[in-house]
Amino acid sequence: MSFSAVNGSSRPALTMRLTLRIGIVMSRFNLDIGEGLLSACIAELRKHDVPDSNLLLITVPGALEIPLA
């Protein structure tokens, strides 16, 4: 997937940021690490203006269940 630049920046075009839907799968096995990675991921998406309504978070018991989510 390619993004079109806005005014020469590397940020995706506004329409792409508003329509982009992201699914995040997180293992509950090691919550301290998982929640740290999740908060960094969400912070980066917010920095790029992806609305929270376009994010879907699925948690699974362990790493082996991630592909099944």
C-alpha atoms as a PDB file:
ATOM      1  CA  MET A   1       0.000   0.000   0.000  1.00  0.00           C
ATOM      2  CA  SER A   2       1.399   3.382  -0.896  1.00  0.00           C
ATOM      3  CA  PHE A   3       0.628   6.674   0.777  1.00  0.00           C
ATOM      4  CA  SER A   4       0.435   9.981  -0.982  1.00  0.00           C
ATOM      5  CA  ALA A   5       2.391  12.771   0.656  1.00  0.00           C
ATOM      6  CA  VAL A   6       0.846  15.956   1.998  1.00  0.00           C
ATOM      7  CA  ASN A   7       2.874  19.080   1.144  1.00  0.00           C
ATOM      8  CA  GLY A   8       6.016  17.019   0.630  1.00  0.00           C
ATOM      9  CA  SER A   9       5.849  15.378   4.068  1.00  0.00           C
ATOM     10  CA  SER A  10       6.032  11.655   4.673  1.00  0.00           C
ATOM     11  CA  ARG A  11       2.666  11.625   6.479  1.00  0.00           C
ATOM     12  CA  PRO A  12      -0.211   9.870   4.698  1.00  0.00           C
ATOM     13  CA  ALA A  13      -2.869  12.002   3.053  1.00  0.00           C
ATOM     14  CA  LEU A  14      -5.726  13.092   5.337  1.00  0.00           C
ATOM     15  CA  THR A  15      -8.301  10.874   3.621  1.00  0.00           C
ATOM     16  CA  MET A  16      -6.073   7.825   4.098  1.00  0.00           C
ATOM     17  CA  ARG A  17      -5.598   8.566   7.815  1.00  0.00           C
ATOM     18  CA  LEU A  18      -9.328   8.957   8.349  1.00  0.00           C
ATOM     19  CA  THR A  19     -10.329   5.808   6.458  1.00  0.00           C
ATOM     20  CA  LEU A  20      -7.458   3.569   7.566  1.00  0.00           C
ATOM     21  CA  ARG A  21      -8.689   0.792   9.874  1.00  0.00           C
ATOM     22  CA  ILE A  22      -6.145  -0.978  12.061  1.00  0.00           C
ATOM     23  CA  GLY A  23      -6.521  -4.250  13.922  1.00  0.00           C
ATOM     24  CA  ILE A  24      -4.174  -4.926  16.850  1.00  0.00           C
ATOM     25  CA  VAL A  25      -3.810  -8.384  18.403  1.00  0.00           C
ATOM     26  CA  MET A  26      -2.213  -8.548  21.855  1.00  0.00           C
ATOM     27  CA  SER A  27      -1.294 -11.552  23.956  1.00  0.00           C
ATOM     28  CA  ARG A  28      -2.359 -11.442  27.623  1.00  0.00           C
ATOM     29  CA  PHE A  29       0.449 -13.834  28.641  1.00  0.00           C
ATOM     30  CA  ASN A  30       2.868 -11.076  29.657  1.00  0.00           C
ATOM     31  CA  LEU A  31       0.686  -8.021  30.266  1.00  0.00           C
ATOM     32  CA  ASP A  32       3.490  -5.694  31.380  1.00  0.00           C
ATOM     33  CA  ILE A  33       5.286  -6.004  28.060  1.00  0.00           C
ATOM     34  CA  GLY A  34       2.093  -6.228  25.989  1.00  0.00           C
ATOM     35  CA  GLU A  35       0.544  -3.107  27.496  1.00  0.00           C
ATOM     36  CA  GLY A  36       3.768  -1.160  27.018  1.00  0.00           C
ATOM     37  CA  LEU A  37       3.917  -2.117  23.358  1.00  0.00           C
ATOM     38  CA  LEU A  38       0.202  -1.398  22.945  1.00  0.00           C
ATOM     39  CA  SER A  39       0.445   2.089  24.451  1.00  0.00           C
ATOM     40  CA  ALA A  40       3.425   2.933  22.220  1.00  0.00           C
ATOM     41  CA  CYS A  41       1.566   1.631  19.165  1.00  0.00           C
ATOM     42  CA  ILE A  42      -1.583   3.629  19.936  1.00  0.00           C
ATOM     43  CA  ALA A  43       0.439   6.768  20.706  1.00  0.00           C
ATOM     44  CA  GLU A  44       2.171   6.517  17.321  1.00  0.00           C
ATOM     45  CA  LEU A  45      -1.146   6.016  15.508  1.00  0.00           C
ATOM     46  CA  ARG A  46      -2.654   9.033  17.309  1.00  0.00           C
ATOM     47  CA  LYS A  47       0.420  11.074  16.360  1.00  0.00           C
ATOM     48  CA  HIS A  48      -0.480  10.319  12.743  1.00  0.00           C
ATOM     49  CA  ASP A  49      -4.122  11.347  13.313  1.00  0.00           C
ATOM     50  CA  VAL A  50      -5.661   7.876  13.041  1.00  0.00           C
ATOM     51  CA  PRO A  51      -8.936   8.160  15.015  1.00  0.00           C
ATOM     52  CA  ASP A  52      -9.575   5.753  17.911  1.00  0.00           C
ATOM     53  CA  SER A  53     -12.804   4.679  16.227  1.00  0.00           C
ATOM     54  CA  ASN A  54     -10.686   3.118  13.443  1.00  0.00           C
ATOM     55  CA  LEU A  55      -8.725   0.907  15.868  1.00  0.00           C
ATOM     56  CA  LEU A  56      -9.773  -2.603  16.866  1.00  0.00           C
ATOM     57  CA  LEU A  57      -8.016  -4.352  19.759  1.00  0.00           C
ATOM     58  CA  ILE A  58      -8.276  -8.118  20.200  1.00  0.00           C
ATOM     59  CA  THR A  59      -6.603  -9.845  23.148  1.00  0.00           C
ATOM     60  CA  VAL A  60      -5.771 -13.539  23.225  1.00  0.00           C
ATOM     61  CA  PRO A  61      -4.442 -15.792  26.021  1.00  0.00           C
ATOM     62  CA  GLY A  62      -0.995 -16.447  24.522  1.00  0.00           C
ATOM     63  CA  ALA A  63       1.226 -16.136  21.464  1.00  0.00           C
ATOM     64  CA  LEU A  64      -0.029 -19.338  19.871  1.00  0.00           C
ATOM     65  CA  GLU A  65      -3.559 -17.888  19.581  1.00  0.00           C
ATOM     66  CA  ILE A  66      -2.485 -14.706  17.769  1.00  0.00           C
ATOM     67  CA  PRO A  67      -2.846 -16.160  14.232  1.00  0.00           C
ATOM     68  CA  LEU A  68      -6.342 -17.380  15.121  1.00  0.00           C
ATOM     69  CA  ALA A  69      -7.560 -13.948  16.157  1.00  0.00           C
END
